[in-house]
PDB file of N, CA and C in Angstrom:
ATOM      1  N   MET A   1      -8.111   3.043   0.380  1.00  0.00           N
ATOM      2  CA  MET A   1      -6.869   2.763  -0.517  1.00  0.00           C
ATOM      3  C   MET A   1      -6.805   1.488  -0.997  1.00  0.00           C
ATOM      4  N   LYS A   2      -6.343   1.466  -2.256  1.00  0.00           N
ATOM      5  CA  LYS A   2      -5.953   0.196  -2.761  1.00  0.00           C
ATOM      6  C   LYS A   2      -4.813  -0.557  -2.243  1.00  0.00           C
ATOM      7  N   THR A   3      -5.089  -1.974  -1.972  1.00  0.00           N
ATOM      8  CA  THR A   3      -4.005  -2.634  -1.458  1.00  0.00           C
ATOM      9  C   THR A   3      -2.950  -2.880  -2.489  1.00  0.00           C
ATOM     10  N   ASN A   4      -2.944  -2.782  -3.656  1.00  0.00           N
ATOM     11  CA  ASN A   4      -1.890  -3.028  -4.715  1.00  0.00           C
ATOM     12  C   ASN A   4      -1.086  -1.847  -4.774  1.00  0.00           C
ATOM     13  N   GLN A   5      -1.286  -0.619  -4.163  1.00  0.00           N
ATOM     14  CA  GLN A   5      -0.290   0.222  -4.485  1.00  0.00           C
ATOM     15  C   GLN A   5       0.920   0.204  -3.614  1.00  0.00           C
ATOM     16  N   LEU A   6       2.025   0.500  -4.026  1.00  0.00           N
ATOM     17  CA  LEU A   6       3.218   0.349  -3.440  1.00  0.00           C
ATOM     18  C   LEU A   6       3.695   1.600  -2.913  1.00  0.00           C
ATOM     19  N   GLU A   7       4.403   1.614  -1.814  1.00  0.00           N
ATOM     20  CA  GLU A   7       4.959   2.685  -1.341  1.00  0.00           C
ATOM     21  C   GLU A   7       5.867   3.459  -2.338  1.00  0.00           C
ATOM     22  N   THR A   8       6.026   4.759  -2.531  1.00  0.00           N
ATOM     23  CA  THR A   8       6.678   5.304  -3.538  1.00  0.00           C
ATOM     24  C   THR A   8       8.171   4.887  -3.759  1.00  0.00           C
ATOM     25  N   PRO A   9       9.223   4.844  -2.769  1.00  0.00           N
ATOM     26  CA  PRO A   9      10.409   4.370  -2.750  1.00  0.00           C
ATOM     27  C   PRO A   9      10.469   3.029  -3.344  1.00  0.00           C
ATOM     28  N   ASP A  10       9.526   2.063  -2.982  1.00  0.00           N
ATOM     29  CA  ASP A  10       9.544   0.711  -3.470  1.00  0.00           C
ATOM     30  C   ASP A  10       9.252   0.887  -5.302  1.00  0.00           C
ATOM     31  N   LEU A  11       8.118   1.410  -5.358  1.00  0.00           N
ATOM     32  CA  LEU A  11       7.740   1.756  -6.820  1.00  0.00           C
ATOM     33  C   LEU A  11       8.836   2.009  -7.725  1.00  0.00           C
ATOM     34  N   LYS A  12       9.355   3.419  -7.135  1.00  0.00           N
ATOM     35  CA  LYS A  12      10.633   3.823  -7.987  1.00  0.00           C
ATOM     36  C   LYS A  12      11.424   2.813  -8.159  1.00  0.00           C
ATOM     37  N   GLU A  13      12.076   1.986  -7.140  1.00  0.00           N
ATOM     38  CA  GLU A  13      12.881   0.790  -7.381  1.00  0.00           C
ATOM     39  C   GLU A  13      12.232  -0.107  -8.598  1.00  0.00           C
ATOM     40  N   LYS A  14      11.116  -0.541  -8.567  1.00  0.00           N
ATOM     41  CA  LYS A  14      10.557  -1.396  -9.569  1.00  0.00           C
ATOM     42  C   LYS A  14      10.705  -0.587 -10.972  1.00  0.00           C
ATOM     43  N   VAL A  15      10.475   0.712 -10.992  1.00  0.00           N
ATOM     44  CA  VAL A  15      10.523   1.496 -12.210  1.00  0.00           C
ATOM     45  C   VAL A  15      11.843   1.214 -12.806  1.00  0.00           C
ATOM     46  N   VAL A  16      12.968   1.418 -11.917  1.00  0.00           N
ATOM     47  CA  VAL A  16      14.473   1.719 -12.482  1.00  0.00           C
ATOM     48  C   VAL A  16      14.632   0.000 -12.945  1.00  0.00           C
ATOM     49  N   GLU A  17      14.101  -1.085 -12.257  1.00  0.00           N
ATOM     50  CA  GLU A  17      14.370  -2.575 -12.736  1.00  0.00           C
ATOM     51  C   GLU A  17      13.567  -2.659 -13.981  1.00  0.00           C
ATOM     52  N   ALA A  18      12.683  -2.062 -14.187  1.00  0.00           N
ATOM     53  CA  ALA A  18      11.945  -2.432 -15.524  1.00  0.00           C
ATOM     54  C   ALA A  18      12.608  -1.361 -16.339  1.00  0.00           C
ATOM     55  N   LEU A  19      13.460  -0.193 -16.151  1.00  0.00           N
ATOM     56  CA  LEU A  19      13.898   0.649 -17.335  1.00  0.00           C
ATOM     57  C   LEU A  19      15.326  -0.369 -17.579  1.00  0.00           C
ATOM     58  N   LYS A  20      15.931  -1.186 -16.702  1.00  0.00           N
ATOM     59  CA  LYS A  20      17.167  -1.806 -16.764  1.00  0.00           C
ATOM     60  C   LYS A  20      16.888  -3.017 -17.798  1.00  0.00           C
ATOM     61  N   THR A  21      15.660  -3.275 -18.345  1.00  0.00           N
ATOM     62  CA  THR A  21      15.309  -4.303 -19.173  1.00  0.00           C
ATOM     63  C   THR A  21      15.186  -3.836 -20.491  1.00  0.00           C
ATOM     64  N   VAL A  22      15.454  -2.513 -20.726  1.00  0.00           N
ATOM     65  CA  VAL A  22      15.103  -1.837 -21.895  1.00  0.00           C
ATOM     66  C   VAL A  22      16.741  -1.508 -22.502  1.00  0.00           C
ATOM     67  N   TYR A  23      16.967  -2.170 -23.810  1.00  0.00           N
ATOM     68  CA  TYR A  23      18.303  -1.872 -24.298  1.00  0.00           C
ATOM     69  C   TYR A  23      18.030  -0.962 -25.594  1.00  0.00           C
ATOM     70  N   ASP A  24      19.218  -0.219 -25.569  1.00  0.00           N
ATOM     71  CA  ASP A  24      19.216   0.447 -26.893  1.00  0.00           C
ATOM     72  C   ASP A  24      19.695  -0.644 -27.900  1.00  0.00           C
ATOM     73  N   PRO A  25      19.108  -0.575 -29.033  1.00  0.00           N
ATOM     74  CA  PRO A  25      19.208  -1.694 -30.057  1.00  0.00           C
ATOM     75  C   PRO A  25      20.700  -1.670 -30.758  1.00  0.00           C
ATOM     76  N   GLU A  26      21.334  -0.615 -30.873  1.00  0.00           N
ATOM     77  CA  GLU A  26      22.615  -0.272 -31.363  1.00  0.00           C
ATOM     78  C   GLU A  26      23.632  -0.645 -30.346  1.00  0.00           C
ATOM     79  N   ILE A  27      23.415  -0.402 -28.984  1.00  0.00           N
ATOM     80  CA  ILE A  27      24.444  -0.548 -27.951  1.00  0.00           C
ATOM     81  C   ILE A  27      24.054  -1.621 -26.863  1.00  0.00           C
ATOM     82  N   PRO A  28      24.796  -2.607 -26.535  1.00  0.00           N
ATOM     83  CA  PRO A  28      24.262  -3.770 -25.769  1.00  0.00           C
ATOM     84  C   PRO A  28      24.293  -3.303 -24.243  1.00  0.00           C
ATOM     85  N   ILE A  29      23.765  -2.295 -23.908  1.00  0.00           N
ATOM     86  CA  ILE A  29      23.681  -1.656 -22.604  1.00  0.00           C
ATOM     87  C   ILE A  29      22.243  -1.287 -22.378  1.00  0.00           C
ATOM     88  N   ASP A  30      21.759  -1.502 -21.148  1.00  0.00           N
ATOM     89  CA  ASP A  30      20.326  -0.925 -21.007  1.00  0.00           C
ATOM     90  C   ASP A  30      20.456   0.606 -20.833  1.00  0.00           C
ATOM     91  N   ILE A  31      19.005   1.214 -20.978  1.00  0.00           N
ATOM     92  CA  ILE A  31      18.893   2.619 -21.254  1.00  0.00           C
ATOM     93  C   ILE A  31      19.313   3.308 -19.889  1.00  0.00           C
ATOM     94  N   TYR A  32      19.124   2.573 -18.799  1.00  0.00           N
ATOM     95  CA  TYR A  32      19.212   3.395 -17.423  1.00  0.00           C
ATOM     96  C   TYR A  32      20.820   3.378 -17.418  1.00  0.00           C
ATOM     97  N   GLU A  33      21.475   2.339 -17.491  1.00  0.00           N
ATOM     98  CA  GLU A  33      23.002   2.434 -17.330  1.00  0.00           C
ATOM     99  C   GLU A  33      23.443   3.559 -18.436  1.00  0.00           C
ATOM    100  N   LEU A  34      22.941   3.493 -19.412  1.00  0.00           N
ATOM    101  CA  LEU A  34      23.455   4.351 -20.725  1.00  0.00           C
ATOM    102  C   LEU A  34      23.379   5.732 -20.109  1.00  0.00           C
ATOM    103  N   GLY A  35      22.465   5.892 -19.496  1.00  0.00           N
ATOM    104  CA  GLY A  35      22.235   7.517 -18.782  1.00  0.00           C
ATOM    105  C   GLY A  35      20.982   8.268 -19.625  1.00  0.00           C
ATOM    106  N   LEU A  36      20.336   7.545 -20.247  1.00  0.00           N
ATOM    107  CA  LEU A  36      19.306   8.022 -21.075  1.00  0.00           C
ATOM    108  C   LEU A  36      18.148   8.411 -20.233  1.00  0.00           C
ATOM    109  N   ILE A  37      18.148   7.930 -19.254  1.00  0.00           N
ATOM    110  CA  ILE A  37      16.909   8.515 -18.040  1.00  0.00           C
ATOM    111  C   ILE A  37      17.272   9.449 -17.451  1.00  0.00           C
ATOM    112  N   TYR A  38      16.861  10.801 -17.495  1.00  0.00           N
ATOM    113  CA  TYR A  38      17.096  11.882 -16.949  1.00  0.00           C
ATOM    114  C   TYR A  38      16.316  12.226 -15.591  1.00  0.00           C
ATOM    115  N   GLU A  39      15.127  11.756 -15.486  1.00  0.00           N
ATOM    116  CA  GLU A  39      14.301  11.848 -14.249  1.00  0.00           C
ATOM    117  C   GLU A  39      13.249  10.957 -14.250  1.00  0.00           C
ATOM    118  N   ILE A  40      13.136  10.393 -12.938  1.00  0.00           N
ATOM    119  CA  ILE A  40      12.003   9.664 -12.670  1.00  0.00           C
ATOM    120  C   ILE A  40      11.329  10.191 -11.276  1.00  0.00           C
ATOM    121  N   LYS A  41       9.892  10.260 -11.400  1.00  0.00           N
ATOM    122  CA  LYS A  41       8.900  10.697 -10.404  1.00  0.00           C
ATOM    123  C   LYS A  41       8.005   9.830 -10.251  1.00  0.00           C
ATOM    124  N   VAL A  42       7.514   9.417  -8.997  1.00  0.00           N
ATOM    125  CA  VAL A  42       6.355   8.826  -8.637  1.00  0.00           C
ATOM    126  C   VAL A  42       5.346   9.432  -7.937  1.00  0.00           C
ATOM    127  N   PHE A  43       4.306   9.848  -8.247  1.00  0.00           N
ATOM    128  CA  PHE A  43       3.191  10.688  -7.546  1.00  0.00           C
ATOM    129  C   PHE A  43       2.588   9.783  -6.915  1.00  0.00           C
ATOM    130  N   PRO A  44       1.771  10.018  -5.761  1.00  0.00           N
ATOM    131  CA  PRO A  44       1.112   9.742  -4.673  1.00  0.00           C
ATOM    132  C   PRO A  44       0.161   8.548  -5.184  1.00  0.00           C
ATOM    133  N   VAL A  45      -0.753   8.854  -6.436  1.00  0.00           N
ATOM    134  CA  VAL A  45      -1.403   7.945  -6.935  1.00  0.00           C
ATOM    135  C   VAL A  45      -0.879   6.901  -7.855  1.00  0.00           C
ATOM    136  N   ASN A  46       0.423   6.602  -7.769  1.00  0.00           N
ATOM    137  CA  ASN A  46       1.348   5.733  -8.550  1.00  0.00           C
ATOM    138  C   ASN A  46       1.024   6.024  -9.788  1.00  0.00           C
ATOM    139  N   ASN A  47       1.168   7.336 -10.285  1.00  0.00           N
ATOM    140  CA  ASN A  47       1.506   7.977 -11.431  1.00  0.00           C
ATOM    141  C   ASN A  47       2.972   8.030 -11.594  1.00  0.00           C
ATOM    142  N   VAL A  48       3.427   7.654 -12.842  1.00  0.00           N
ATOM    143  CA  VAL A  48       4.998   7.919 -12.972  1.00  0.00           C
ATOM    144  C   VAL A  48       5.325   8.639 -14.019  1.00  0.00           C
ATOM    145  N   TYR A  49       6.332   9.678 -13.801  1.00  0.00           N
ATOM    146  CA  TYR A  49       6.631  10.526 -14.694  1.00  0.00           C
ATOM    147  C   TYR A  49       8.185  10.322 -15.083  1.00  0.00           C
ATOM    148  N   ILE A  50       8.392  10.105 -16.366  1.00  0.00           N
ATOM    149  CA  ILE A  50       9.964   9.647 -16.875  1.00  0.00           C
ATOM    150  C   ILE A  50      10.185  10.936 -18.096  1.00  0.00           C
ATOM    151  N   LEU A  51      11.461  11.434 -17.689  1.00  0.00           N
ATOM    152  CA  LEU A  51      12.176  12.393 -18.529  1.00  0.00           C
ATOM    153  C   LEU A  51      13.594  11.575 -19.371  1.00  0.00           C
ATOM    154  N   MET A  52      13.246  11.533 -20.241  1.00  0.00           N
ATOM    155  CA  MET A  52      14.441  10.719 -21.103  1.00  0.00           C
ATOM    156  C   MET A  52      15.015  11.224 -22.192  1.00  0.00           C
ATOM    157  N   THR A  53      16.091  10.723 -22.910  1.00  0.00           N
ATOM    158  CA  THR A  53      16.641  11.097 -24.198  1.00  0.00           C
ATOM    159  C   THR A  53      16.893   9.894 -24.909  1.00  0.00           C
ATOM    160  N   LEU A  54      17.542  10.199 -26.156  1.00  0.00           N
ATOM    161  CA  LEU A  54      18.220   9.342 -26.769  1.00  0.00           C
ATOM    162  C   LEU A  54      19.392   9.632 -26.932  1.00  0.00           C
ATOM    163  N   THR A  55      20.341   8.611 -27.690  1.00  0.00           N
ATOM    164  CA  THR A  55      21.749   8.876 -27.841  1.00  0.00           C
ATOM    165  C   THR A  55      21.847  10.153 -29.041  1.00  0.00           C
ATOM    166  N   THR A  56      20.902  10.141 -29.855  1.00  0.00           N
ATOM    167  CA  THR A  56      21.082  11.318 -30.818  1.00  0.00           C
ATOM    168  C   THR A  56      19.580  11.501 -31.189  1.00  0.00           C
ATOM    169  N   PRO A  57      19.216  12.927 -31.634  1.00  0.00           N
ATOM    170  CA  PRO A  57      17.803  13.194 -32.022  1.00  0.00           C
ATOM    171  C   PRO A  57      17.359  12.159 -33.315  1.00  0.00           C
ATOM    172  N   ASN A  58      18.359  11.853 -34.163  1.00  0.00           N
ATOM    173  CA  ASN A  58      18.330  11.190 -35.228  1.00  0.00           C
ATOM    174  C   ASN A  58      18.296   9.517 -35.050  1.00  0.00           C
ATOM    175  N   CYS A  59      18.072   9.109 -33.755  1.00  0.00           N
ATOM    176  CA  CYS A  59      18.276   7.738 -33.252  1.00  0.00           C
ATOM    177  C   CYS A  59      17.087   6.910 -34.014  1.00  0.00           C
ATOM    178  N   PRO A  60      17.415   5.882 -34.749  1.00  0.00           N
ATOM    179  CA  PRO A  60      16.485   5.040 -35.500  1.00  0.00           C
ATOM    180  C   PRO A  60      15.347   4.536 -34.570  1.00  0.00           C
ATOM    181  N   SER A  61      15.659   4.587 -33.111  1.00  0.00           N
ATOM    182  CA  SER A  61      14.728   4.005 -32.242  1.00  0.00           C
ATOM    183  C   SER A  61      13.818   5.013 -31.602  1.00  0.00           C
ATOM    184  N   VAL A  62      13.740   6.240 -32.220  1.00  0.00           N
ATOM    185  CA  VAL A  62      13.126   7.254 -31.773  1.00  0.00           C
ATOM    186  C   VAL A  62      11.620   6.980 -31.620  1.00  0.00           C
ATOM    187  N   GLU A  63      10.821   5.891 -32.150  1.00  0.00           N
ATOM    188  CA  GLU A  63       9.451   5.667 -32.164  1.00  0.00           C
ATOM    189  C   GLU A  63       9.288   4.550 -31.069  1.00  0.00           C
ATOM    190  N   GLU A  64      10.264   3.455 -31.165  1.00  0.00           N
ATOM    191  CA  GLU A  64      10.355   2.340 -30.445  1.00  0.00           C
ATOM    192  C   GLU A  64      10.517   2.434 -29.072  1.00  0.00           C
ATOM    193  N   LEU A  65      11.707   3.095 -28.897  1.00  0.00           N
ATOM    194  CA  LEU A  65      12.227   2.864 -27.422  1.00  0.00           C
ATOM    195  C   LEU A  65      11.384   3.834 -26.398  1.00  0.00           C
ATOM    196  N   PRO A  66      10.628   4.827 -26.743  1.00  0.00           N
ATOM    197  CA  PRO A  66       9.969   5.300 -25.778  1.00  0.00           C
ATOM    198  C   PRO A  66       8.601   4.517 -25.650  1.00  0.00           C
ATOM    199  N   ALA A  67       8.176   3.946 -26.456  1.00  0.00           N
ATOM    200  CA  ALA A  67       7.118   2.945 -26.450  1.00  0.00           C
ATOM    201  C   ALA A  67       7.306   1.966 -25.441  1.00  0.00           C
ATOM    202  N   GLU A  68       8.424   1.327 -25.739  1.00  0.00           N
ATOM    203  CA  GLU A  68       8.814   0.072 -24.768  1.00  0.00           C
ATOM    204  C   GLU A  68       8.993   0.676 -23.492  1.00  0.00           C
ATOM    205  N   VAL A  69       9.717   1.661 -23.203  1.00  0.00           N
ATOM    206  CA  VAL A  69       9.673   2.058 -22.009  1.00  0.00           C
ATOM    207  C   VAL A  69       8.461   2.343 -20.987  1.00  0.00           C
ATOM    208  N   LYS A  70       7.478   3.209 -21.892  1.00  0.00           N
ATOM    209  CA  LYS A  70       6.178   3.220 -21.327  1.00  0.00           C
ATOM    210  C   LYS A  70       5.419   1.873 -20.831  1.00  0.00           C
ATOM    211  N   ASN A  71       5.474   0.812 -21.983  1.00  0.00           N
ATOM    212  CA  ASN A  71       4.779  -0.211 -21.907  1.00  0.00           C
ATOM    213  C   ASN A  71       5.530  -1.095 -20.635  1.00  0.00           C
ATOM    214  N   LYS A  72       6.894  -1.129 -20.603  1.00  0.00           N
ATOM    215  CA  LYS A  72       7.301  -2.027 -19.396  1.00  0.00           C
ATOM    216  C   LYS A  72       6.923  -1.309 -18.042  1.00  0.00           C
ATOM    217  N   VAL A  73       7.021  -0.097 -18.113  1.00  0.00           N
ATOM    218  CA  VAL A  73       6.637   0.653 -16.578  1.00  0.00           C
ATOM    219  C   VAL A  73       5.299   0.611 -16.509  1.00  0.00           C
ATOM    220  N   LEU A  74       4.236   0.593 -17.328  1.00  0.00           N
ATOM    221  CA  LEU A  74       2.915   0.357 -17.187  1.00  0.00           C
ATOM    222  C   LEU A  74       2.534  -0.860 -16.767  1.00  0.00           C
ATOM    223  N   ALA A  75       3.343  -1.748 -17.146  1.00  0.00           N
ATOM    224  CA  ALA A  75       3.212  -3.480 -16.647  1.00  0.00           C
ATOM    225  C   ALA A  75       3.562  -3.688 -15.287  1.00  0.00           C
ATOM    226  N   ILE A  76       4.116  -2.850 -14.544  1.00  0.00           N
ATOM    227  CA  ILE A  76       4.564  -2.968 -13.103  1.00  0.00           C
ATOM    228  C   ILE A  76       3.128  -2.866 -12.224  1.00  0.00           C
ATOM    229  N   GLU A  77       2.991  -3.909 -11.502  1.00  0.00           N
ATOM    230  CA  GLU A  77       1.937  -3.889 -10.687  1.00  0.00           C
ATOM    231  C   GLU A  77       1.795  -2.735  -9.651  1.00  0.00           C
ATOM    232  N   GLY A  78       0.275  -2.085  -9.754  1.00  0.00           N
ATOM    233  CA  GLY A  78       0.414  -0.912  -8.966  1.00  0.00           C
ATOM    234  C   GLY A  78       0.495   0.329  -9.746  1.00  0.00           C
ATOM    235  N   VAL A  79       1.300   0.537 -10.823  1.00  0.00           N
ATOM    236  CA  VAL A  79       1.477   1.648 -11.446  1.00  0.00           C
ATOM    237  C   VAL A  79       0.079   1.927 -12.418  1.00  0.00           C
ATOM    238  N   ASN A  80      -0.324   3.350 -12.021  1.00  0.00           N
ATOM    239  CA  ASN A  80      -1.708   3.703 -12.396  1.00  0.00           C
ATOM    240  C   ASN A  80      -1.503   4.300 -13.786  1.00  0.00           C
ATOM    241  N   ASP A  81      -0.517   5.188 -14.280  1.00  0.00           N
ATOM    242  CA  ASP A  81      -0.252   5.770 -15.521  1.00  0.00           C
ATOM    243  C   ASP A  81       1.040   6.148 -15.523  1.00  0.00           C
ATOM    244  N   VAL A  82       1.557   6.412 -16.713  1.00  0.00           N
ATOM    245  CA  VAL A  82       3.018   6.618 -16.998  1.00  0.00           C
ATOM    246  C   VAL A  82       2.912   7.758 -18.083  1.00  0.00           C
ATOM    247  N   GLU A  83       3.604   9.079 -17.478  1.00  0.00           N
ATOM    248  CA  GLU A  83       3.875  10.257 -18.684  1.00  0.00           C
ATOM    249  C   GLU A  83       5.267  10.028 -18.833  1.00  0.00           C
ATOM    250  N   LEU A  84       5.526  10.061 -20.120  1.00  0.00           N
ATOM    251  CA  LEU A  84       7.007  10.129 -20.632  1.00  0.00           C
ATOM    252  C   LEU A  84       7.089  11.344 -21.806  1.00  0.00           C
ATOM    253  N   ASP A  85       8.326  11.722 -21.149  1.00  0.00           N
ATOM    254  CA  ASP A  85       8.784  13.109 -22.005  1.00  0.00           C
ATOM    255  C   ASP A  85      10.176  12.632 -22.542  1.00  0.00           C
ATOM    256  N   MET A  86      10.192  13.302 -23.884  1.00  0.00           N
ATOM    257  CA  MET A  86      11.605  13.099 -24.665  1.00  0.00           C
ATOM    258  C   MET A  86      12.297  14.608 -24.673  1.00  0.00           C
ATOM    259  N   THR A  87      13.423  14.621 -24.322  1.00  0.00           N
ATOM    260  CA  THR A  87      14.208  15.798 -24.401  1.00  0.00           C
ATOM    261  C   THR A  87      15.649  15.593 -24.903  1.00  0.00           C
ATOM    262  N   PHE A  88      16.313  16.595 -25.641  1.00  0.00           N
ATOM    263  CA  PHE A  88      17.509  16.491 -26.069  1.00  0.00           C
ATOM    264  C   PHE A  88      18.256  17.539 -25.429  1.00  0.00           C
ATOM    265  N   GLU A  89      18.004  18.207 -24.196  1.00  0.00           N
ATOM    266  CA  GLU A  89      18.577  19.187 -23.486  1.00  0.00           C
ATOM    267  C   GLU A  89      18.684  18.637 -22.289  1.00  0.00           C
ATOM    268  N   PRO A  90      19.929  18.295 -21.543  1.00  0.00           N
ATOM    269  CA  PRO A  90      21.310  18.597 -22.316  1.00  0.00           C
ATOM    270  C   PRO A  90      21.306  17.565 -23.397  1.00  0.00           C
ATOM    271  N   PRO A  91      22.359  17.805 -24.314  1.00  0.00           N
ATOM    272  CA  PRO A  91      22.492  16.488 -25.351  1.00  0.00           C
ATOM    273  C   PRO A  91      22.965  15.672 -24.491  1.00  0.00           C
ATOM    274  N   TYR A  92      22.877  14.351 -24.977  1.00  0.00           N
ATOM    275  CA  TYR A  92      23.412  13.133 -24.425  1.00  0.00           C
ATOM    276  C   TYR A  92      24.994  13.133 -24.760  1.00  0.00           C
ATOM    277  N   HIS A  93      25.818  12.605 -23.798  1.00  0.00           N
ATOM    278  CA  HIS A  93      26.985  12.332 -23.927  1.00  0.00           C
ATOM    279  C   HIS A  93      27.458  11.209 -23.291  1.00  0.00           C
ATOM    280  N   GLN A  94      28.566  10.641 -23.688  1.00  0.00           N
ATOM    281  CA  GLN A  94      29.193   9.207 -23.052  1.00  0.00           C
ATOM    282  C   GLN A  94      29.403   9.447 -21.437  1.00  0.00           C
ATOM    283  N   ASP A  95      29.594  10.800 -21.163  1.00  0.00           N
ATOM    284  CA  ASP A  95      29.737  10.982 -19.825  1.00  0.00           C
ATOM    285  C   ASP A  95      28.839  10.672 -18.693  1.00  0.00           C
ATOM    286  N   MET A  96      27.434  10.612 -19.413  1.00  0.00           N
ATOM    287  CA  MET A  96      26.211  10.237 -18.586  1.00  0.00           C
ATOM    288  C   MET A  96      26.133   8.812 -18.581  1.00  0.00           C
ATOM    289  N   MET A  97      26.925   7.920 -18.928  1.00  0.00           N
ATOM    290  CA  MET A  97      26.970   6.431 -18.601  1.00  0.00           C
ATOM    291  C   MET A  97      27.285   6.149 -17.331  1.00  0.00           C
ATOM    292  N   SER A  98      26.780   5.217 -16.656  1.00  0.00           N
ATOM    293  CA  SER A  98      27.466   4.818 -15.351  1.00  0.00           C
ATOM    294  C   SER A  98      28.678   4.028 -15.571  1.00  0.00           C
ATOM    295  N   GLU A  99      29.531   3.667 -14.413  1.00  0.00           N
ATOM    296  CA  GLU A  99      30.702   3.431 -14.671  1.00  0.00           C
ATOM    297  C   GLU A  99      30.638   1.975 -15.085  1.00  0.00           C
ATOM    298  N   ALA A 100      29.633   1.201 -14.853  1.00  0.00           N
ATOM    299  CA  ALA A 100      29.414  -0.175 -15.139  1.00  0.00           C
ATOM    300  C   ALA A 100      29.211  -0.213 -16.783  1.00  0.00           C
ATOM    301  N   ALA A 101      28.607   0.782 -17.408  1.00  0.00           N
ATOM    302  CA  ALA A 101      28.336   0.938 -18.603  1.00  0.00           C
ATOM    303  C   ALA A 101      29.719   1.033 -19.603  1.00  0.00           C
ATOM    304  N   LYS A 102      30.276   2.180 -18.772  1.00  0.00           N
ATOM    305  CA  LYS A 102      31.500   2.486 -19.483  1.00  0.00           C
ATOM    306  C   LYS A 102      32.338   1.259 -19.536  1.00  0.00           C
ATOM    307  N   LEU A 103      32.489   0.490 -18.636  1.00  0.00           N
ATOM    308  CA  LEU A 103      33.534  -0.454 -18.386  1.00  0.00           C
ATOM    309  C   LEU A 103      33.077  -1.717 -19.300  1.00  0.00           C
ATOM    310  N   GLU A 104      31.728  -1.759 -19.317  1.00  0.00           N
ATOM    311  CA  GLU A 104      31.263  -2.856 -20.276  1.00  0.00           C
ATOM    312  C   GLU A 104      31.579  -2.609 -21.927  1.00  0.00           C
ATOM    313  N   LEU A 105      31.695  -1.194 -22.281  1.00  0.00           N
ATOM    314  CA  LEU A 105      32.114  -0.796 -23.634  1.00  0.00           C
ATOM    315  C   LEU A 105      33.328  -0.224 -23.774  1.00  0.00           C
ATOM    316  N   GLY A 106      34.388  -0.719 -22.573  1.00  0.00           N
ATOM    317  CA  GLY A 106      35.651  -0.475 -22.828  1.00  0.00           C
ATOM    318  C   GLY A 106      36.104   0.909 -22.744  1.00  0.00           C
ATOM    319  N   PHE A 107      35.419   1.793 -22.406  1.00  0.00           N
ATOM    320  CA  PHE A 107      35.673   3.443 -21.979  1.00  0.00           C
ATOM    321  C   PHE A 107      36.570   3.456 -20.793  1.00  0.00           C
ATOM    322  N   LEU A 108      36.593   2.551 -20.013  1.00  0.00           N
ATOM    323  CA  LEU A 108      37.475   2.476 -18.644  1.00  0.00           C
ATOM    324  C   LEU A 108      38.812   1.901 -18.917  1.00  0.00           C
TER     325      LEU A 108
END
């Protein structure tokens, strides 16, 4: 067993921390708080699966944002591989934002 492999809950926390460093270029809120991350799974060999969306299918960051997400997660010590899937179902809506994001944007 590799000694640099983290326990799954710790690795998932590190993935969330990494995702909170990725910002939507049009909105000054990180993608995790915006609610763009639908699912995070960490498998026993430290492979990470992320299901995410964008604010719209026509988002100008359709190429850059997923690549940045994948690179930031791959940079976490212990992560073996990252599979990232994009979806637009369900469609993104402002209700998916965290309370902190809504407060920051003046929606509360």
